[in-house]
Amino acid sequence: MTATATPTKIRIRVLRQSDPNAAQHWEEFEIPFREKLNVISALIEIQKNPRTVEGKSVRPPAWEAACLEEVCGACSMNINGRVRQACTALIEDVADANGDTYDLRLEPMKKFPLVRDLIVDRSKMFDNLKKVKAWVPIDGSFDLGPAQPQDDGVRQFRYALSRCMSCGCCLEACPQINDKSSFVGPAAMAQALLFNRHPVGKTLEADRLDFLTTEEGITGCGNAQNCVKVCPKSVPLTRAIAELNRDTTVYKLKRWFGAA
């Protein structure tokens, strides 16, 4: 019986594009494998000596990262066909083992405008937060004393929603996010619910629900549930969307009967 070879090197294919108008092309790099190496660390190793497997010297691949501990959300990319955070993607967990080589394929997210190589512009996520007014209105309320107590169950649910880091993984995986759709996506909707459940934030609840009843809101969700599968922070996105579905229905009925 032949023993399975232990991988000793990593072959990394990176989809390159120098600017939004340039043609895409693949480049392959090879570095030694070591245990517990994550994708960001592998890219740093390439950066030290950016030479392809053909021996051609090239500029190092460009990527975005900040915290390196799955908090900032900046390093989202497609890794072997699955969107995730590169800082917590260990090579032995995400790469394909072929003999003595780990094969890795890196691509930028496709639902956002490309900047360069693996870097995309996630501005639309933050624009969507503005659309749903994802904030607590505090102007003029600082002298009104403490807010009302929160139910602990609601508080725990709100904490789970607050873990969202606007990384873009849920939008990348959502089939409803495309050039023909105006859907704001699950992240913005979950944040709308987060602030609707806040004792002070709910003063803007009607504004948020009014927006979520438009084409950009709840009707854009196809209930594919891809979002919750790829969320690196396990934000309860499908529960949030279900609760908003109920809330917007009640809101529309009240408005229809003149009670809102």
C-alpha atoms as a PDB file:
ATOM      1  CA  MET A   1       0.000   0.000   0.000  1.00  0.00           C
ATOM      2  CA  THR A   2       1.509   3.323  -1.096  1.00  0.00           C
ATOM      3  CA  ALA A   3       1.700   5.987   1.616  1.00  0.00           C
ATOM      4  CA  THR A   4       0.052   9.312   0.875  1.00  0.00           C
ATOM      5  CA  ALA A   5       2.615  12.048   0.238  1.00  0.00           C
ATOM      6  CA  THR A   6       2.805  14.799   2.827  1.00  0.00           C
ATOM      7  CA  PRO A   7       2.449  18.252   1.213  1.00  0.00           C
ATOM      8  CA  THR A   8       5.666  20.244   1.382  1.00  0.00           C
ATOM      9  CA  LYS A   9       4.792  23.184  -0.871  1.00  0.00           C
ATOM     10  CA  ILE A  10       1.894  25.429  -1.816  1.00  0.00           C
ATOM     11  CA  ARG A  11       0.978  26.276  -5.400  1.00  0.00           C
ATOM     12  CA  ILE A  12      -1.032  29.510  -5.387  1.00  0.00           C
ATOM     13  CA  ARG A  13      -2.960  30.749  -8.437  1.00  0.00           C
ATOM     14  CA  VAL A  14      -3.954  34.392  -8.186  1.00  0.00           C
ATOM     15  CA  LEU A  15      -6.374  36.116 -10.537  1.00  0.00           C
ATOM     16  CA  ARG A  16      -4.620  39.380 -11.407  1.00  0.00           C
ATOM     17  CA  GLN A  17      -6.007  42.641 -12.770  1.00  0.00           C
ATOM     18  CA  SER A  18      -3.982  45.838 -12.502  1.00  0.00           C
ATOM     19  CA  ASP A  19      -7.016  48.147 -12.681  1.00  0.00           C
ATOM     20  CA  PRO A  20     -10.754  47.903 -13.419  1.00  0.00           C
ATOM     21  CA  ASN A  21     -10.210  48.371 -17.148  1.00  0.00           C
ATOM     22  CA  ALA A  22      -7.315  45.932 -17.563  1.00  0.00           C
ATOM     23  CA  ALA A  23      -7.647  42.339 -18.738  1.00  0.00           C
ATOM     24  CA  GLN A  24      -7.680  39.578 -16.137  1.00  0.00           C
ATOM     25  CA  HIS A  25      -4.986  36.931 -16.122  1.00  0.00           C
ATOM     26  CA  TRP A  26      -3.763  34.157 -13.831  1.00  0.00           C
ATOM     27  CA  GLU A  27      -0.333  33.971 -12.246  1.00  0.00           C
ATOM     28  CA  GLU A  28       1.036  31.015 -10.285  1.00  0.00           C
ATOM     29  CA  PHE A  29       3.416  31.150  -7.361  1.00  0.00           C
ATOM     30  CA  GLU A  30       4.988  28.467  -5.229  1.00  0.00           C
ATOM     31  CA  ILE A  31       6.143  28.709  -1.621  1.00  0.00           C
ATOM     32  CA  PRO A  32       7.179  26.136   1.017  1.00  0.00           C
ATOM     33  CA  PHE A  33       4.379  24.798   3.189  1.00  0.00           C
ATOM     34  CA  ARG A  34       4.405  25.113   6.939  1.00  0.00           C
ATOM     35  CA  GLU A  35       1.657  24.240   9.396  1.00  0.00           C
ATOM     36  CA  LYS A  36      -0.862  26.849  10.551  1.00  0.00           C
ATOM     37  CA  LEU A  37      -0.003  29.169   7.659  1.00  0.00           C
ATOM     38  CA  ASN A  38      -2.977  31.310   6.691  1.00  0.00           C
ATOM     39  CA  VAL A  39      -3.717  32.813   3.287  1.00  0.00           C
ATOM     40  CA  ILE A  40      -2.550  36.308   4.281  1.00  0.00           C
ATOM     41  CA  SER A  41       0.769  34.891   5.496  1.00  0.00           C
ATOM     42  CA  ALA A  42       1.123  32.988   2.214  1.00  0.00           C
ATOM     43  CA  LEU A  43       0.596  36.227   0.275  1.00  0.00           C
ATOM     44  CA  ILE A  44       3.224  37.919   2.429  1.00  0.00           C
ATOM     45  CA  GLU A  45       5.662  35.119   1.544  1.00  0.00           C
ATOM     46  CA  ILE A  46       4.977  35.777  -2.148  1.00  0.00           C
ATOM     47  CA  GLN A  47       5.478  39.499  -1.562  1.00  0.00           C
ATOM     48  CA  LYS A  48       9.007  38.831  -0.298  1.00  0.00           C
ATOM     49  CA  ASN A  49       9.995  37.343  -3.666  1.00  0.00           C
ATOM     50  CA  PRO A  50       7.251  37.877  -6.276  1.00  0.00           C
ATOM     51  CA  ARG A  51       8.405  35.390  -8.878  1.00  0.00           C
ATOM     52  CA  THR A  52       6.038  33.082 -10.775  1.00  0.00           C
ATOM     53  CA  VAL A  53       6.596  29.345 -11.158  1.00  0.00           C
ATOM     54  CA  GLU A  54       7.915  30.115 -14.654  1.00  0.00           C
ATOM     55  CA  GLY A  55      10.652  32.238 -13.055  1.00  0.00           C
ATOM     56  CA  LYS A  56       9.198  35.591 -14.141  1.00  0.00           C
ATOM     57  CA  SER A  57       9.565  38.521 -11.740  1.00  0.00           C
ATOM     58  CA  VAL A  58       6.244  40.342 -11.308  1.00  0.00           C
ATOM     59  CA  ARG A  59       4.797  42.919  -9.002  1.00  0.00           C
ATOM     60  CA  PRO A  60       3.434  41.301  -5.822  1.00  0.00           C
ATOM     61  CA  PRO A  61      -0.313  40.603  -5.679  1.00  0.00           C
ATOM     62  CA  ALA A  62      -2.332  43.357  -4.020  1.00  0.00           C
ATOM     63  CA  TRP A  63      -4.778  42.504  -1.267  1.00  0.00           C
ATOM     64  CA  GLU A  64      -6.457  44.307   1.616  1.00  0.00           C
ATOM     65  CA  ALA A  65      -6.084  43.473   5.312  1.00  0.00           C
ATOM     66  CA  ALA A  66      -5.990  45.272   8.649  1.00  0.00           C
ATOM     67  CA  CYS A  67      -6.731  43.493  11.918  1.00  0.00           C
ATOM     68  CA  LEU A  68      -5.644  39.951  10.899  1.00  0.00           C
ATOM     69  CA  GLU A  69      -8.025  38.509  13.496  1.00  0.00           C
ATOM     70  CA  GLU A  70     -11.394  38.438  11.700  1.00  0.00           C
ATOM     71  CA  VAL A  71     -12.681  41.709  13.100  1.00  0.00           C
ATOM     72  CA  CYS A  72     -12.254  44.353  10.382  1.00  0.00           C
ATOM     73  CA  GLY A  73     -13.725  42.376   7.467  1.00  0.00           C
ATOM     74  CA  ALA A  74     -11.216  43.817   4.978  1.00  0.00           C
ATOM     75  CA  CYS A  75      -9.584  40.611   3.713  1.00  0.00           C
ATOM     76  CA  SER A  76     -12.656  38.948   2.163  1.00  0.00           C
ATOM     77  CA  MET A  77     -11.892  37.075  -1.050  1.00  0.00           C
ATOM     78  CA  ASN A  78     -12.855  33.915  -2.910  1.00  0.00           C
ATOM     79  CA  ILE A  79     -10.593  31.082  -1.780  1.00  0.00           C
ATOM     80  CA  ASN A  80     -10.895  27.916  -3.835  1.00  0.00           C
ATOM     81  CA  GLY A  81     -14.346  29.024  -4.942  1.00  0.00           C
ATOM     82  CA  ARG A  82     -15.715  29.976  -1.515  1.00  0.00           C
ATOM     83  CA  VAL A  83     -15.897  33.495  -0.132  1.00  0.00           C
ATOM     84  CA  ARG A  84     -14.352  33.911   3.305  1.00  0.00           C
ATOM     85  CA  GLN A  85     -11.849  35.856   5.389  1.00  0.00           C
ATOM     86  CA  ALA A  86      -8.276  35.222   4.306  1.00  0.00           C
ATOM     87  CA  CYS A  87      -6.789  35.952   7.739  1.00  0.00           C
ATOM     88  CA  THR A  88      -8.462  32.918   9.342  1.00  0.00           C
ATOM     89  CA  ALA A  89      -8.200  30.611   6.319  1.00  0.00           C
ATOM     90  CA  LEU A  90      -5.492  28.059   7.174  1.00  0.00           C
ATOM     91  CA  ILE A  91      -3.877  26.478   4.128  1.00  0.00           C
ATOM     92  CA  GLU A  92      -4.418  22.902   5.317  1.00  0.00           C
ATOM     93  CA  ASP A  93      -8.138  23.665   5.789  1.00  0.00           C
ATOM     94  CA  VAL A  94      -8.935  25.481   2.539  1.00  0.00           C
ATOM     95  CA  ALA A  95      -6.450  24.186  -0.070  1.00  0.00           C
ATOM     96  CA  ASP A  96      -6.684  20.989  -2.119  1.00  0.00           C
ATOM     97  CA  ALA A  97      -3.954  18.456  -1.329  1.00  0.00           C
ATOM     98  CA  ASN A  98      -2.458  16.875  -4.465  1.00  0.00           C
ATOM     99  CA  GLY A  99       0.523  14.684  -3.631  1.00  0.00           C
ATOM    100  CA  ASP A 100       3.211  16.869  -2.126  1.00  0.00           C
ATOM    101  CA  THR A 101       1.446  20.113  -3.082  1.00  0.00           C
ATOM    102  CA  TYR A 102      -1.384  22.181  -1.650  1.00  0.00           C
ATOM    103  CA  ASP A 103      -3.292  23.877  -4.497  1.00  0.00           C
ATOM    104  CA  LEU A 104      -4.849  27.234  -3.731  1.00  0.00           C
ATOM    105  CA  ARG A 105      -6.890  29.527  -6.003  1.00  0.00           C
ATOM    106  CA  LEU A 106      -7.457  33.165  -4.990  1.00  0.00           C
ATOM    107  CA  GLU A 107      -9.952  35.499  -6.674  1.00  0.00           C
ATOM    108  CA  PRO A 108     -11.495  38.844  -5.699  1.00  0.00           C
ATOM    109  CA  MET A 109     -15.144  39.084  -4.726  1.00  0.00           C
ATOM    110  CA  LYS A 110     -17.293  39.511  -7.831  1.00  0.00           C
ATOM    111  CA  LYS A 111     -20.260  41.457  -6.427  1.00  0.00           C
ATOM    112  CA  PHE A 112     -18.178  44.591  -5.771  1.00  0.00           C
ATOM    113  CA  PRO A 113     -16.263  46.939  -8.099  1.00  0.00           C
ATOM    114  CA  LEU A 114     -12.677  45.807  -8.532  1.00  0.00           C
ATOM    115  CA  VAL A 115      -9.854  48.095  -7.452  1.00  0.00           C
ATOM    116  CA  ARG A 116      -6.813  45.902  -8.147  1.00  0.00           C
ATOM    117  CA  ASP A 117      -6.035  42.179  -7.974  1.00  0.00           C
ATOM    118  CA  LEU A 118      -7.766  40.924  -4.802  1.00  0.00           C
ATOM    119  CA  ILE A 119      -8.935  44.354  -3.610  1.00  0.00           C
ATOM    120  CA  VAL A 120     -12.542  45.446  -4.164  1.00  0.00           C
ATOM    121  CA  ASP A 121     -14.512  48.560  -3.247  1.00  0.00           C
ATOM    122  CA  ARG A 122     -17.100  47.738  -0.543  1.00  0.00           C
ATOM    123  CA  SER A 123     -18.520  51.273  -0.427  1.00  0.00           C
ATOM    124  CA  LYS A 124     -22.013  50.116  -1.366  1.00  0.00           C
ATOM    125  CA  MET A 125     -22.252  48.189   1.900  1.00  0.00           C
ATOM    126  CA  PHE A 126     -21.751  51.395   3.866  1.00  0.00           C
ATOM    127  CA  ASP A 127     -24.098  53.291   1.553  1.00  0.00           C
ATOM    128  CA  ASN A 128     -26.738  50.657   2.307  1.00  0.00           C
ATOM    129  CA  LEU A 129     -26.274  51.219   6.038  1.00  0.00           C
ATOM    130  CA  LYS A 130     -27.109  54.867   5.426  1.00  0.00           C
ATOM    131  CA  LYS A 131     -30.236  53.850   3.509  1.00  0.00           C
ATOM    132  CA  VAL A 132     -31.564  51.849   6.469  1.00  0.00           C
ATOM    133  CA  LYS A 133     -30.453  54.528   8.968  1.00  0.00           C
ATOM    134  CA  ALA A 134     -28.341  52.053  10.911  1.00  0.00           C
ATOM    135  CA  TRP A 135     -27.605  54.288  13.873  1.00  0.00           C
ATOM    136  CA  VAL A 136     -29.046  55.461  17.182  1.00  0.00           C
ATOM    137  CA  PRO A 137     -30.379  59.048  16.997  1.00  0.00           C
ATOM    138  CA  ILE A 138     -28.884  60.742  20.056  1.00  0.00           C
ATOM    139  CA  ASP A 139     -29.065  64.449  19.144  1.00  0.00           C
ATOM    140  CA  GLY A 140     -31.008  66.169  21.905  1.00  0.00           C
ATOM    141  CA  SER A 141     -31.453  62.985  23.946  1.00  0.00           C
ATOM    142  CA  PHE A 142     -28.316  63.151  26.079  1.00  0.00           C
ATOM    143  CA  ASP A 143     -30.121  64.855  28.984  1.00  0.00           C
ATOM    144  CA  LEU A 144     -33.186  62.604  29.082  1.00  0.00           C
ATOM    145  CA  GLY A 145     -31.774  60.129  31.573  1.00  0.00           C
ATOM    146  CA  PRO A 146     -31.120  56.408  31.109  1.00  0.00           C
ATOM    147  CA  ALA A 147     -32.985  54.450  28.440  1.00  0.00           C
ATOM    148  CA  GLN A 148     -35.563  51.878  29.413  1.00  0.00           C
ATOM    149  CA  PRO A 149     -34.250  48.438  30.460  1.00  0.00           C
ATOM    150  CA  GLN A 150     -33.834  45.825  27.752  1.00  0.00           C
ATOM    151  CA  ASP A 151     -35.149  42.300  27.845  1.00  0.00           C
ATOM    152  CA  ASP A 152     -32.142  39.993  28.156  1.00  0.00           C
ATOM    153  CA  GLY A 153     -33.308  37.794  25.281  1.00  0.00           C
ATOM    154  CA  VAL A 154     -33.542  40.841  23.013  1.00  0.00           C
ATOM    155  CA  ARG A 155     -30.177  42.064  24.255  1.00  0.00           C
ATOM    156  CA  GLN A 156     -28.496  38.763  23.361  1.00  0.00           C
ATOM    157  CA  PHE A 157     -30.121  38.773  19.915  1.00  0.00           C
ATOM    158  CA  ARG A 158     -28.980  42.346  19.346  1.00  0.00           C
ATOM    159  CA  TYR A 159     -25.447  41.401  20.363  1.00  0.00           C
ATOM    160  CA  ALA A 160     -25.444  38.590  17.788  1.00  0.00           C
ATOM    161  CA  LEU A 161     -26.556  41.083  15.113  1.00  0.00           C
ATOM    162  CA  SER A 162     -23.931  43.604  16.205  1.00  0.00           C
ATOM    163  CA  ARG A 163     -21.103  41.191  15.324  1.00  0.00           C
ATOM    164  CA  CYS A 164     -21.495  42.111  11.637  1.00  0.00           C
ATOM    165  CA  MET A 165     -18.246  43.627  10.314  1.00  0.00           C
ATOM    166  CA  SER A 166     -19.503  44.565   6.817  1.00  0.00           C
ATOM    167  CA  CYS A 167     -17.056  42.106   5.261  1.00  0.00           C
ATOM    168  CA  GLY A 168     -19.262  41.517   2.209  1.00  0.00           C
ATOM    169  CA  CYS A 169     -19.309  37.714   2.351  1.00  0.00           C
ATOM    170  CA  CYS A 170     -23.100  37.568   2.575  1.00  0.00           C
ATOM    171  CA  LEU A 171     -23.531  39.831  -0.461  1.00  0.00           C
ATOM    172  CA  GLU A 172     -21.010  37.802  -2.448  1.00  0.00           C
ATOM    173  CA  ALA A 173     -22.922  34.580  -1.744  1.00  0.00           C
ATOM    174  CA  CYS A 174     -26.416  36.028  -2.256  1.00  0.00           C
ATOM    175  CA  PRO A 175     -27.890  35.201  -5.688  1.00  0.00           C
ATOM    176  CA  GLN A 176     -30.189  38.234  -5.393  1.00  0.00           C
ATOM    177  CA  ILE A 177     -27.239  40.630  -5.434  1.00  0.00           C
ATOM    178  CA  ASN A 178     -26.555  41.328  -9.092  1.00  0.00           C
ATOM    179  CA  ASP A 179     -26.518  44.096 -11.688  1.00  0.00           C
ATOM    180  CA  LYS A 180     -30.262  43.755 -12.283  1.00  0.00           C
ATOM    181  CA  SER A 181     -31.295  43.955  -8.622  1.00  0.00           C
ATOM    182  CA  SER A 182     -31.445  46.915  -6.229  1.00  0.00           C
ATOM    183  CA  PHE A 183     -31.668  44.660  -3.150  1.00  0.00           C
ATOM    184  CA  VAL A 184     -29.586  46.099  -0.285  1.00  0.00           C
ATOM    185  CA  GLY A 185     -28.667  42.636   0.966  1.00  0.00           C
ATOM    186  CA  PRO A 186     -28.825  40.755   4.261  1.00  0.00           C
ATOM    187  CA  ALA A 187     -26.176  42.757   6.143  1.00  0.00           C
ATOM    188  CA  ALA A 188     -28.015  46.081   5.921  1.00  0.00           C
ATOM    189  CA  MET A 189     -31.336  44.437   6.750  1.00  0.00           C
ATOM    190  CA  ALA A 190     -29.919  42.781   9.856  1.00  0.00           C
ATOM    191  CA  GLN A 191     -28.500  46.112  10.985  1.00  0.00           C
ATOM    192  CA  ALA A 192     -31.888  47.750  10.472  1.00  0.00           C
ATOM    193  CA  LEU A 193     -33.387  45.188  12.837  1.00  0.00           C
ATOM    194  CA  LEU A 194     -30.533  45.688  15.312  1.00  0.00           C
ATOM    195  CA  PHE A 195     -31.449  49.345  15.708  1.00  0.00           C
ATOM    196  CA  ASN A 196     -35.203  48.734  15.543  1.00  0.00           C
ATOM    197  CA  ARG A 197     -34.783  46.582  18.653  1.00  0.00           C
ATOM    198  CA  HIS A 198     -32.781  49.305  20.443  1.00  0.00           C
ATOM    199  CA  PRO A 199     -34.808  51.341  22.997  1.00  0.00           C
ATOM    200  CA  VAL A 200     -33.628  54.637  21.491  1.00  0.00           C
ATOM    201  CA  GLY A 201     -32.831  53.458  17.972  1.00  0.00           C
ATOM    202  CA  LYS A 202     -36.451  52.370  17.455  1.00  0.00           C
ATOM    203  CA  THR A 203     -37.488  56.036  17.219  1.00  0.00           C
ATOM    204  CA  LEU A 204     -36.480  55.683  13.542  1.00  0.00           C
ATOM    205  CA  GLU A 205     -38.247  52.332  13.140  1.00  0.00           C
ATOM    206  CA  ALA A 206     -40.967  53.703  10.862  1.00  0.00           C
ATOM    207  CA  ASP A 207     -38.360  55.233   8.538  1.00  0.00           C
ATOM    208  CA  ARG A 208     -36.477  51.939   8.336  1.00  0.00           C
ATOM    209  CA  LEU A 209     -39.594  49.851   7.757  1.00  0.00           C
ATOM    210  CA  ASP A 210     -40.793  52.322   5.156  1.00  0.00           C
ATOM    211  CA  PHE A 211     -37.533  51.833   3.227  1.00  0.00           C
ATOM    212  CA  LEU A 212     -37.604  48.065   3.677  1.00  0.00           C
ATOM    213  CA  THR A 213     -41.019  47.889   1.996  1.00  0.00           C
ATOM    214  CA  THR A 214     -39.521  49.251  -1.235  1.00  0.00           C
ATOM    215  CA  GLU A 215     -37.921  47.179  -4.017  1.00  0.00           C
ATOM    216  CA  GLU A 216     -34.565  47.551  -2.309  1.00  0.00           C
ATOM    217  CA  GLY A 217     -35.856  45.904   0.842  1.00  0.00           C
ATOM    218  CA  ILE A 218     -37.497  42.697   2.002  1.00  0.00           C
ATOM    219  CA  THR A 219     -39.087  41.745  -1.329  1.00  0.00           C
ATOM    220  CA  GLY A 220     -35.627  41.442  -2.862  1.00  0.00           C
ATOM    221  CA  CYS A 221     -34.751  38.474  -0.648  1.00  0.00           C
ATOM    222  CA  GLY A 222     -35.187  35.103  -2.346  1.00  0.00           C
ATOM    223  CA  ASN A 223     -34.620  33.102   0.886  1.00  0.00           C
ATOM    224  CA  ALA A 224     -31.636  31.246  -0.592  1.00  0.00           C
ATOM    225  CA  GLN A 225     -30.016  31.295   2.886  1.00  0.00           C
ATOM    226  CA  ASN A 226     -26.527  31.368   1.356  1.00  0.00           C
ATOM    227  CA  CYS A 227     -25.775  34.402   3.502  1.00  0.00           C
ATOM    228  CA  VAL A 228     -25.969  32.640   6.841  1.00  0.00           C
ATOM    229  CA  LYS A 229     -23.809  29.778   5.532  1.00  0.00           C
ATOM    230  CA  VAL A 230     -20.848  32.003   4.669  1.00  0.00           C
ATOM    231  CA  CYS A 231     -21.086  34.606   7.459  1.00  0.00           C
ATOM    232  CA  PRO A 232     -17.770  34.403   9.354  1.00  0.00           C
ATOM    233  CA  LYS A 233     -19.322  35.831  12.528  1.00  0.00           C
ATOM    234  CA  SER A 234     -22.405  33.569  12.588  1.00  0.00           C
ATOM    235  CA  VAL A 235     -24.759  36.544  12.493  1.00  0.00           C
ATOM    236  CA  PRO A 236     -28.364  35.193  12.555  1.00  0.00           C
ATOM    237  CA  LEU A 237     -29.197  36.716   9.174  1.00  0.00           C
ATOM    238  CA  THR A 238     -32.090  34.453   8.233  1.00  0.00           C
ATOM    239  CA  ARG A 239     -33.779  35.018  11.592  1.00  0.00           C
ATOM    240  CA  ALA A 240     -33.321  38.760  11.160  1.00  0.00           C
ATOM    241  CA  ILE A 241     -34.879  38.680   7.693  1.00  0.00           C
ATOM    242  CA  ALA A 242     -37.776  36.553   8.965  1.00  0.00           C
ATOM    243  CA  GLU A 243     -38.487  39.021  11.774  1.00  0.00           C
ATOM    244  CA  LEU A 244     -38.291  41.950   9.373  1.00  0.00           C
ATOM    245  CA  ASN A 245     -40.671  40.164   7.034  1.00  0.00           C
ATOM    246  CA  ARG A 246     -43.188  40.022   9.854  1.00  0.00           C
ATOM    247  CA  ASP A 247     -42.484  43.598  10.968  1.00  0.00           C
ATOM    248  CA  THR A 248     -42.868  45.069   7.479  1.00  0.00           C
ATOM    249  CA  THR A 249     -46.105  43.138   6.939  1.00  0.00           C
ATOM    250  CA  VAL A 250     -47.587  44.525  10.167  1.00  0.00           C
ATOM    251  CA  TYR A 251     -46.311  47.989   9.268  1.00  0.00           C
ATOM    252  CA  LYS A 252     -47.937  47.890   5.831  1.00  0.00           C
ATOM    253  CA  LEU A 253     -51.236  46.673   7.255  1.00  0.00           C
ATOM    254  CA  LYS A 254     -51.261  49.445   9.838  1.00  0.00           C
ATOM    255  CA  ARG A 255     -50.441  52.016   7.191  1.00  0.00           C
ATOM    256  CA  TRP A 256     -53.147  50.609   4.931  1.00  0.00           C
ATOM    257  CA  PHE A 257     -55.727  51.006   7.697  1.00  0.00           C
ATOM    258  CA  GLY A 258     -54.368  54.402   8.719  1.00  0.00           C
ATOM    259  CA  ALA A 259     -52.931  53.304  12.044  1.00  0.00           C
ATOM    260  CA  ALA A 260     -49.236  53.923  11.255  1.00  0.00           C
END
